C-alpha atoms as a PDB file:
ATOM      1  CA  UNK A   1      52.453  56.623  10.636  1.00  0.00           C
ATOM      2  CA  UNK A   2      52.852  52.914   9.908  1.00  0.00           C
ATOM      3  CA  UNK A   3      54.250  51.262  13.052  1.00  0.00           C
ATOM      4  CA  UNK A   4      55.897  47.895  12.505  1.00  0.00           C
ATOM      5  CA  UNK A   5      55.891  47.438  16.304  1.00  0.00           C
ATOM      6  CA  UNK A   6      52.107  47.762  16.391  1.00  0.00           C
ATOM      7  CA  UNK A   7      51.783  45.454  13.386  1.00  0.00           C
ATOM      8  CA  UNK A   8      53.949  42.840  15.091  1.00  0.00           C
ATOM      9  CA  UNK A   9      51.760  43.032  18.199  1.00  0.00           C
ATOM     10  CA  UNK A  10      48.594  42.433  16.156  1.00  0.00           C
ATOM     11  CA  UNK A  11      50.071  39.310  14.573  1.00  0.00           C
ATOM     12  CA  UNK A  12      51.484  38.031  17.853  1.00  0.00           C
ATOM     13  CA  UNK A  13      48.037  38.338  19.449  1.00  0.00           C
ATOM     14  CA  UNK A  14      46.586  36.358  16.553  1.00  0.00           C
ATOM     15  CA  UNK A  15      49.140  33.534  16.754  1.00  0.00           C
ATOM     16  CA  UNK A  16      46.763  31.040  18.412  1.00  0.00           C
ATOM     17  CA  UNK A  17      43.877  31.718  16.009  1.00  0.00           C
ATOM     18  CA  UNK A  18      45.799  32.344  12.801  1.00  0.00           C
ATOM     19  CA  UNK A  19      45.962  28.859  11.322  1.00  0.00           C
ATOM     20  CA  UNK A  20      42.273  28.104  11.902  1.00  0.00           C
ATOM     21  CA  UNK A  21      41.144  31.431  10.456  1.00  0.00           C
ATOM     22  CA  UNK A  22      43.545  32.111   7.587  1.00  0.00           C
ATOM     23  CA  UNK A  23      41.526  30.325   4.903  1.00  0.00           C
ATOM     24  CA  UNK A  24      42.112  33.079   2.344  1.00  0.00           C
ATOM     25  CA  UNK A  25      45.827  33.270   3.075  1.00  0.00           C
ATOM     26  CA  UNK A  26      46.130  29.512   2.676  1.00  0.00           C
ATOM     27  CA  UNK A  27      44.158  29.517  -0.576  1.00  0.00           C
ATOM     28  CA  UNK A  28      46.313  32.346  -1.922  1.00  0.00           C
ATOM     29  CA  UNK A  29      49.445  30.420  -0.953  1.00  0.00           C
ATOM     30  CA  UNK A  30      48.295  27.306  -2.744  1.00  0.00           C
ATOM     31  CA  UNK A  31      47.544  29.327  -5.893  1.00  0.00           C
ATOM     32  CA  UNK A  32      50.930  31.002  -5.699  1.00  0.00           C
ATOM     33  CA  UNK A  33      52.707  27.660  -5.343  1.00  0.00           C
ATOM     34  CA  UNK A  34      50.913  26.366  -8.451  1.00  0.00           C
ATOM     35  CA  UNK A  35      51.995  29.435 -10.398  1.00  0.00           C
ATOM     36  CA  UNK A  36      55.598  29.128  -9.212  1.00  0.00           C
ATOM     37  CA  UNK A  37      55.636  25.483 -10.396  1.00  0.00           C
ATOM     38  CA  UNK A  38      55.021  26.725 -13.949  1.00  0.00           C
ATOM     39  CA  UNK A  39      58.267  28.713 -13.915  1.00  0.00           C
ATOM     40  CA  UNK A  40      60.745  27.121 -11.510  1.00  0.00           C
ATOM     41  CA  UNK A  41      61.122  23.881  -9.545  1.00  0.00           C
ATOM     42  CA  UNK A  42      64.879  24.022  -8.889  1.00  0.00           C
ATOM     43  CA  UNK A  43      66.192  26.988  -6.896  1.00  0.00           C
ATOM     44  CA  UNK A  44      69.339  26.426  -4.831  1.00  0.00           C
ATOM     45  CA  UNK A  45      68.763  29.452  -2.577  1.00  0.00           C
ATOM     46  CA  UNK A  46      65.260  30.497  -1.500  1.00  0.00           C
ATOM     47  CA  UNK A  47      63.904  33.015   1.006  1.00  0.00           C
ATOM     48  CA  UNK A  48      60.305  33.514   2.153  1.00  0.00           C
ATOM     49  CA  UNK A  49      59.527  37.062   3.317  1.00  0.00           C
ATOM     50  CA  UNK A  50      56.834  37.271   5.988  1.00  0.00           C
ATOM     51  CA  UNK A  51      56.383  33.511   6.363  1.00  0.00           C
ATOM     52  CA  UNK A  52      53.847  33.699   9.206  1.00  0.00           C
ATOM     53  CA  UNK A  53      53.068  30.223  10.513  1.00  0.00           C
ATOM     54  CA  UNK A  54      54.647  28.710   7.356  1.00  0.00           C
ATOM     55  CA  UNK A  55      51.690  27.003   5.667  1.00  0.00           C
ATOM     56  CA  UNK A  56      52.795  28.433   2.309  1.00  0.00           C
ATOM     57  CA  UNK A  57      56.459  27.765   3.151  1.00  0.00           C
ATOM     58  CA  UNK A  58      55.651  24.114   3.795  1.00  0.00           C
ATOM     59  CA  UNK A  59      53.835  23.662   0.465  1.00  0.00           C
ATOM     60  CA  UNK A  60      56.613  25.399  -1.458  1.00  0.00           C
ATOM     61  CA  UNK A  61      59.351  23.324   0.179  1.00  0.00           C
ATOM     62  CA  UNK A  62      57.496  20.096  -0.622  1.00  0.00           C
ATOM     63  CA  UNK A  63      58.104  20.354  -4.366  1.00  0.00           C
ATOM     64  CA  UNK A  64      61.146  22.632  -4.706  1.00  0.00           C
ATOM     65  CA  UNK A  65      64.665  21.298  -5.104  1.00  0.00           C
ATOM     66  CA  UNK A  66      66.910  23.568  -3.027  1.00  0.00           C
ATOM     67  CA  UNK A  67      70.163  23.714  -1.085  1.00  0.00           C
ATOM     68  CA  UNK A  68      69.327  26.536   1.339  1.00  0.00           C
ATOM     69  CA  UNK A  69      65.861  27.759   2.324  1.00  0.00           C
ATOM     70  CA  UNK A  70      65.413  30.746   4.654  1.00  0.00           C
ATOM     71  CA  UNK A  71      62.192  32.181   6.066  1.00  0.00           C
ATOM     72  CA  UNK A  72      61.706  35.369   8.067  1.00  0.00           C
ATOM     73  CA  UNK A  73      58.843  36.976   9.967  1.00  0.00           C
ATOM     74  CA  UNK A  74      58.465  39.949  12.281  1.00  0.00           C
ATOM     75  CA  UNK A  75      56.131  38.223  14.768  1.00  0.00           C
ATOM     76  CA  UNK A  76      57.974  35.900  17.140  1.00  0.00           C
ATOM     77  CA  UNK A  77      54.869  33.921  18.127  1.00  0.00           C
ATOM     78  CA  UNK A  78      53.997  33.138  14.540  1.00  0.00           C
ATOM     79  CA  UNK A  79      57.618  32.231  13.909  1.00  0.00           C
ATOM     80  CA  UNK A  80      57.462  29.742  16.789  1.00  0.00           C
ATOM     81  CA  UNK A  81      54.463  28.140  15.057  1.00  0.00           C
ATOM     82  CA  UNK A  82      56.419  28.004  11.812  1.00  0.00           C
ATOM     83  CA  UNK A  83      59.440  26.365  13.462  1.00  0.00           C
ATOM     84  CA  UNK A  84      57.213  23.778  15.110  1.00  0.00           C
ATOM     85  CA  UNK A  85      55.377  23.021  11.866  1.00  0.00           C
ATOM     86  CA  UNK A  86      58.575  22.513   9.897  1.00  0.00           C
ATOM     87  CA  UNK A  87      60.876  21.177  12.600  1.00  0.00           C
ATOM     88  CA  UNK A  88      61.843  18.223  10.392  1.00  0.00           C
ATOM     89  CA  UNK A  89      62.312  20.291   7.229  1.00  0.00           C
ATOM     90  CA  UNK A  90      65.732  21.864   6.469  1.00  0.00           C
ATOM     91  CA  UNK A  91      64.632  25.508   6.596  1.00  0.00           C
ATOM     92  CA  UNK A  92      66.345  28.247   8.615  1.00  0.00           C
ATOM     93  CA  UNK A  93      63.994  30.676  10.330  1.00  0.00           C
ATOM     94  CA  UNK A  94      64.892  34.203  11.410  1.00  0.00           C
ATOM     95  CA  UNK A  95      63.020  36.802  13.437  1.00  0.00           C
ATOM     96  CA  UNK A  96      63.321  39.821  11.155  1.00  0.00           C
ATOM     97  CA  UNK A  97      61.491  42.637   9.412  1.00  0.00           C
ATOM     98  CA  UNK A  98      61.546  41.948   5.669  1.00  0.00           C
ATOM     99  CA  UNK A  99      61.768  45.697   5.004  1.00  0.00           C
ATOM    100  CA  UNK A 100      65.276  45.447   6.447  1.00  0.00           C
ATOM    101  CA  UNK A 101      66.356  41.947   5.392  1.00  0.00           C
ATOM    102  CA  UNK A 102      69.974  41.735   4.306  1.00  0.00           C
ATOM    103  CA  UNK A 103      72.142  38.771   3.374  1.00  0.00           C
ATOM    104  CA  UNK A 104      75.379  40.452   2.202  1.00  0.00           C
ATOM    105  CA  UNK A 105      77.149  37.234   1.173  1.00  0.00           C
ATOM    106  CA  UNK A 106      74.204  35.482  -0.450  1.00  0.00           C
ATOM    107  CA  UNK A 107      72.082  35.991  -3.566  1.00  0.00           C
ATOM    108  CA  UNK A 108      68.821  34.152  -4.082  1.00  0.00           C
ATOM    109  CA  UNK A 109      67.440  32.157  -6.987  1.00  0.00           C
ATOM    110  CA  UNK A 110      63.890  32.554  -5.672  1.00  0.00           C
ATOM    111  CA  UNK A 111      62.347  35.149  -3.331  1.00  0.00           C
ATOM    112  CA  UNK A 112      58.751  34.542  -2.328  1.00  0.00           C
ATOM    113  CA  UNK A 113      56.102  36.158  -0.177  1.00  0.00           C
ATOM    114  CA  UNK A 114      52.483  35.141   0.418  1.00  0.00           C
ATOM    115  CA  UNK A 115      49.996  37.798   1.575  1.00  0.00           C
ATOM    116  CA  UNK A 116      52.638  39.864   3.372  1.00  0.00           C
ATOM    117  CA  UNK A 117      54.195  42.564   1.223  1.00  0.00           C
ATOM    118  CA  UNK A 118      51.129  44.807   1.586  1.00  0.00           C
ATOM    119  CA  UNK A 119      52.460  45.611   5.077  1.00  0.00           C
ATOM    120  CA  UNK A 120      55.710  47.066   3.756  1.00  0.00           C
ATOM    121  CA  UNK A 121      56.446  50.578   4.966  1.00  0.00           C
ATOM    122  CA  UNK A 122      57.915  51.371   1.526  1.00  0.00           C
ATOM    123  CA  UNK A 123      56.808  49.094  -1.314  1.00  0.00           C
ATOM    124  CA  UNK A 124      59.163  50.528  -3.988  1.00  0.00           C
ATOM    125  CA  UNK A 125      62.062  50.136  -1.556  1.00  0.00           C
ATOM    126  CA  UNK A 126      61.285  46.491  -0.743  1.00  0.00           C
ATOM    127  CA  UNK A 127      61.194  45.727  -4.491  1.00  0.00           C
ATOM    128  CA  UNK A 128      64.599  47.377  -4.875  1.00  0.00           C
ATOM    129  CA  UNK A 129      65.863  45.304  -1.944  1.00  0.00           C
ATOM    130  CA  UNK A 130      64.493  42.165  -3.585  1.00  0.00           C
ATOM    131  CA  UNK A 131      66.216  43.080  -6.858  1.00  0.00           C
ATOM    132  CA  UNK A 132      69.484  43.576  -4.962  1.00  0.00           C
ATOM    133  CA  UNK A 133      69.258  40.113  -3.397  1.00  0.00           C
ATOM    134  CA  UNK A 134      68.292  38.189  -6.543  1.00  0.00           C
ATOM    135  CA  UNK A 135      70.795  36.401  -8.718  1.00  0.00           C
ATOM    136  CA  UNK A 136      70.831  37.165 -12.424  1.00  0.00           C
ATOM    137  CA  UNK A 137      67.717  35.440 -13.822  1.00  0.00           C
ATOM    138  CA  UNK A 138      66.446  35.005 -10.283  1.00  0.00           C
ATOM    139  CA  UNK A 139      62.699  35.065  -9.685  1.00  0.00           C
ATOM    140  CA  UNK A 140      60.452  36.869  -7.214  1.00  0.00           C
ATOM    141  CA  UNK A 141      56.936  35.527  -6.721  1.00  0.00           C
ATOM    142  CA  UNK A 142      54.358  37.008  -4.385  1.00  0.00           C
ATOM    143  CA  UNK A 143      50.676  37.369  -3.635  1.00  0.00           C
ATOM    144  CA  UNK A 144      48.894  40.198  -1.862  1.00  0.00           C
ATOM    145  CA  UNK A 145      45.423  41.717  -1.463  1.00  0.00           C
ATOM    146  CA  UNK A 146      44.450  44.360  -3.992  1.00  0.00           C
ATOM    147  CA  UNK A 147      42.458  47.595  -3.783  1.00  0.00           C
ATOM    148  CA  UNK A 148      38.956  46.072  -3.780  1.00  0.00           C
ATOM    149  CA  UNK A 149      39.683  43.914  -0.741  1.00  0.00           C
ATOM    150  CA  UNK A 150      37.270  44.595   2.138  1.00  0.00           C
ATOM    151  CA  UNK A 151      35.232  46.925  -0.092  1.00  0.00           C
ATOM    152  CA  UNK A 152      32.252  46.270   2.196  1.00  0.00           C
ATOM    153  CA  UNK A 153      33.940  48.077   5.068  1.00  0.00           C
ATOM    154  CA  UNK A 154      33.729  51.866   5.531  1.00  0.00           C
ATOM    155  CA  UNK A 155      36.735  53.588   4.021  1.00  0.00           C
ATOM    156  CA  UNK A 156      38.082  54.605   7.425  1.00  0.00           C
ATOM    157  CA  UNK A 157      38.288  50.900   8.289  1.00  0.00           C
ATOM    158  CA  UNK A 158      40.370  49.916   5.275  1.00  0.00           C
ATOM    159  CA  UNK A 159      44.041  50.136   4.510  1.00  0.00           C
ATOM    160  CA  UNK A 160      45.120  51.637   1.228  1.00  0.00           C
ATOM    161  CA  UNK A 161      45.900  48.709  -1.079  1.00  0.00           C
ATOM    162  CA  UNK A 162      47.438  48.825  -4.547  1.00  0.00           C
ATOM    163  CA  UNK A 163      45.931  48.176  -7.959  1.00  0.00           C
ATOM    164  CA  UNK A 164      47.359  45.644 -10.411  1.00  0.00           C
ATOM    165  CA  UNK A 165      48.723  48.429 -12.610  1.00  0.00           C
ATOM    166  CA  UNK A 166      50.438  50.092  -9.655  1.00  0.00           C
ATOM    167  CA  UNK A 167      52.272  46.878  -8.763  1.00  0.00           C
ATOM    168  CA  UNK A 168      53.244  46.195 -12.382  1.00  0.00           C
ATOM    169  CA  UNK A 169      54.639  49.715 -12.697  1.00  0.00           C
ATOM    170  CA  UNK A 170      56.573  49.353  -9.436  1.00  0.00           C
ATOM    171  CA  UNK A 171      58.060  46.040 -10.555  1.00  0.00           C
ATOM    172  CA  UNK A 172      59.238  47.597 -13.815  1.00  0.00           C
ATOM    173  CA  UNK A 173      60.633  50.599 -11.941  1.00  0.00           C
ATOM    174  CA  UNK A 174      62.691  48.153  -9.868  1.00  0.00           C
ATOM    175  CA  UNK A 175      64.107  46.623 -13.079  1.00  0.00           C
ATOM    176  CA  UNK A 176      62.178  43.409 -12.563  1.00  0.00           C
ATOM    177  CA  UNK A 177      60.704  41.835 -15.701  1.00  0.00           C
ATOM    178  CA  UNK A 178      57.104  40.721 -15.190  1.00  0.00           C
ATOM    179  CA  UNK A 179      56.679  37.197 -16.543  1.00  0.00           C
ATOM    180  CA  UNK A 180      53.277  36.302 -15.084  1.00  0.00           C
ATOM    181  CA  UNK A 181      50.444  37.860 -13.110  1.00  0.00           C
ATOM    182  CA  UNK A 182      46.831  37.067 -12.315  1.00  0.00           C
ATOM    183  CA  UNK A 183      43.964  38.136 -10.066  1.00  0.00           C
ATOM    184  CA  UNK A 184      41.422  36.170  -8.095  1.00  0.00           C
ATOM    185  CA  UNK A 185      38.306  37.261  -6.167  1.00  0.00           C
ATOM    186  CA  UNK A 186      37.099  35.352  -3.126  1.00  0.00           C
ATOM    187  CA  UNK A 187      34.146  35.981  -0.807  1.00  0.00           C
ATOM    188  CA  UNK A 188      33.619  34.987   2.807  1.00  0.00           C
ATOM    189  CA  UNK A 189      30.110  35.070   4.264  1.00  0.00           C
ATOM    190  CA  UNK A 190      29.328  35.732   7.927  1.00  0.00           C
ATOM    191  CA  UNK A 191      26.266  35.740  10.163  1.00  0.00           C
ATOM    192  CA  UNK A 192      27.023  39.168  11.633  1.00  0.00           C
ATOM    193  CA  UNK A 193      29.495  42.009  11.289  1.00  0.00           C
ATOM    194  CA  UNK A 194      30.859  41.119  14.703  1.00  0.00           C
ATOM    195  CA  UNK A 195      31.740  37.667  13.342  1.00  0.00           C
ATOM    196  CA  UNK A 196      33.344  39.235  10.248  1.00  0.00           C
ATOM    197  CA  UNK A 197      35.495  41.552  12.344  1.00  0.00           C
ATOM    198  CA  UNK A 198      36.482  38.710  14.669  1.00  0.00           C
ATOM    199  CA  UNK A 199      37.625  36.779  11.592  1.00  0.00           C
ATOM    200  CA  UNK A 200      39.864  39.656  10.491  1.00  0.00           C
ATOM    201  CA  UNK A 201      41.254  40.000  14.014  1.00  0.00           C
ATOM    202  CA  UNK A 202      41.972  36.257  14.209  1.00  0.00           C
ATOM    203  CA  UNK A 203      44.312  36.578  11.224  1.00  0.00           C
ATOM    204  CA  UNK A 204      46.123  39.643  12.610  1.00  0.00           C
ATOM    205  CA  UNK A 205      44.886  41.834   9.731  1.00  0.00           C
ATOM    206  CA  UNK A 206      42.939  44.247  11.945  1.00  0.00           C
ATOM    207  CA  UNK A 207      45.768  46.779  11.968  1.00  0.00           C
ATOM    208  CA  UNK A 208      44.699  50.103  10.411  1.00  0.00           C
ATOM    209  CA  UNK A 209      47.771  51.882   9.084  1.00  0.00           C
ATOM    210  CA  UNK A 210      46.412  55.433   8.827  1.00  0.00           C
ATOM    211  CA  UNK A 211      44.557  55.652  12.144  1.00  0.00           C
ATOM    212  CA  UNK A 212      45.893  56.885  15.472  1.00  0.00           C
ATOM    213  CA  UNK A 213      43.798  54.160  17.071  1.00  0.00           C
ATOM    214  CA  UNK A 214      45.073  51.215  15.072  1.00  0.00           C
ATOM    215  CA  UNK A 215      42.400  48.684  16.082  1.00  0.00           C
ATOM    216  CA  UNK A 216      39.714  47.877  13.509  1.00  0.00           C
ATOM    217  CA  UNK A 217      37.194  46.992  16.226  1.00  0.00           C
ATOM    218  CA  UNK A 218      37.546  50.470  17.726  1.00  0.00           C
ATOM    219  CA  UNK A 219      37.207  52.188  14.363  1.00  0.00           C
ATOM    220  CA  UNK A 220      34.257  50.253  12.950  1.00  0.00           C
ATOM    221  CA  UNK A 221      30.848  52.052  13.108  1.00  0.00           C
ATOM    222  CA  UNK A 222      28.793  49.315  14.743  1.00  0.00           C
ATOM    223  CA  UNK A 223      25.683  51.509  14.636  1.00  0.00           C
ATOM    224  CA  UNK A 224      25.624  50.974  10.855  1.00  0.00           C
ATOM    225  CA  UNK A 225      25.700  47.182  10.841  1.00  0.00           C
ATOM    226  CA  UNK A 226      22.096  46.284  10.100  1.00  0.00           C
ATOM    227  CA  UNK A 227      23.126  44.214   7.077  1.00  0.00           C
ATOM    228  CA  UNK A 228      22.269  40.552   7.543  1.00  0.00           C
ATOM    229  CA  UNK A 229      24.724  37.884   6.442  1.00  0.00           C
ATOM    230  CA  UNK A 230      27.497  40.337   5.585  1.00  0.00           C
ATOM    231  CA  UNK A 231      30.365  39.283   3.338  1.00  0.00           C
ATOM    232  CA  UNK A 232      33.988  40.234   2.960  1.00  0.00           C
ATOM    233  CA  UNK A 233      35.604  40.484  -0.465  1.00  0.00           C
ATOM    234  CA  UNK A 234      39.228  39.514  -1.002  1.00  0.00           C
ATOM    235  CA  UNK A 235      40.666  40.656  -4.321  1.00  0.00           C
ATOM    236  CA  UNK A 236      43.973  38.820  -4.637  1.00  0.00           C
ATOM    237  CA  UNK A 237      46.914  39.461  -6.925  1.00  0.00           C
ATOM    238  CA  UNK A 238      49.690  37.054  -7.931  1.00  0.00           C
ATOM    239  CA  UNK A 239      52.897  38.351  -9.476  1.00  0.00           C
ATOM    240  CA  UNK A 240      56.022  36.660 -10.822  1.00  0.00           C
ATOM    241  CA  UNK A 241      58.980  38.682 -12.063  1.00  0.00           C
ATOM    242  CA  UNK A 242      62.594  38.070 -12.945  1.00  0.00           C
ATOM    243  CA  UNK A 243      65.863  39.934 -12.581  1.00  0.00           C
ATOM    244  CA  UNK A 244      67.472  40.192 -15.992  1.00  0.00           C
ATOM    245  CA  UNK A 245      71.013  41.154 -14.960  1.00  0.00           C
END
């Protein structure tokens, strides 16, 4: 069973190494910001779901015109990094699980999430929650890793990730109109598998949802790591959708 408590612990342990190691997450965030710019630059009320250390949040806030900007994350140590990074920027941070986020008196013009929604315990439900919190014509924009991510790892060491078609179907099922989407493949090369696994751990993404022992390093078959200069594939998806009514 997917434990948000265990997930939070993985990201808290990675707080000191996250910014230096999250090259893919940062690249995805920059791509997502560029895509958002094509559709909206003025959004009075914004929320970032799973903001992490707020690299993406910072880049988004730099060009958006807004009145209120909120950002939430489940890991308190990453949230401390985010608050420190943006201490002079008018953004309100909250320690919260985005699967449960609720602002009963506020609807949002823009809801964003960079490389975080794949950790949802119920993806259709979080899309319904997003729909509920969007204004009419409001926009949701997010990036996440797709099915072919980490294809070099044994299947028992990978989390189940969605395909593009699955996400598009889920967006439509949530009554969100897809207005833009794209994919992007990126490769990271390493000297050894140990280095590759340390990289994953340094970004907090070493949590294995379907395993009793949730640690990637304890699941990985090190006896099968003769490959020299291994690589990790990241297949990234970017999605922008709109609430019609």
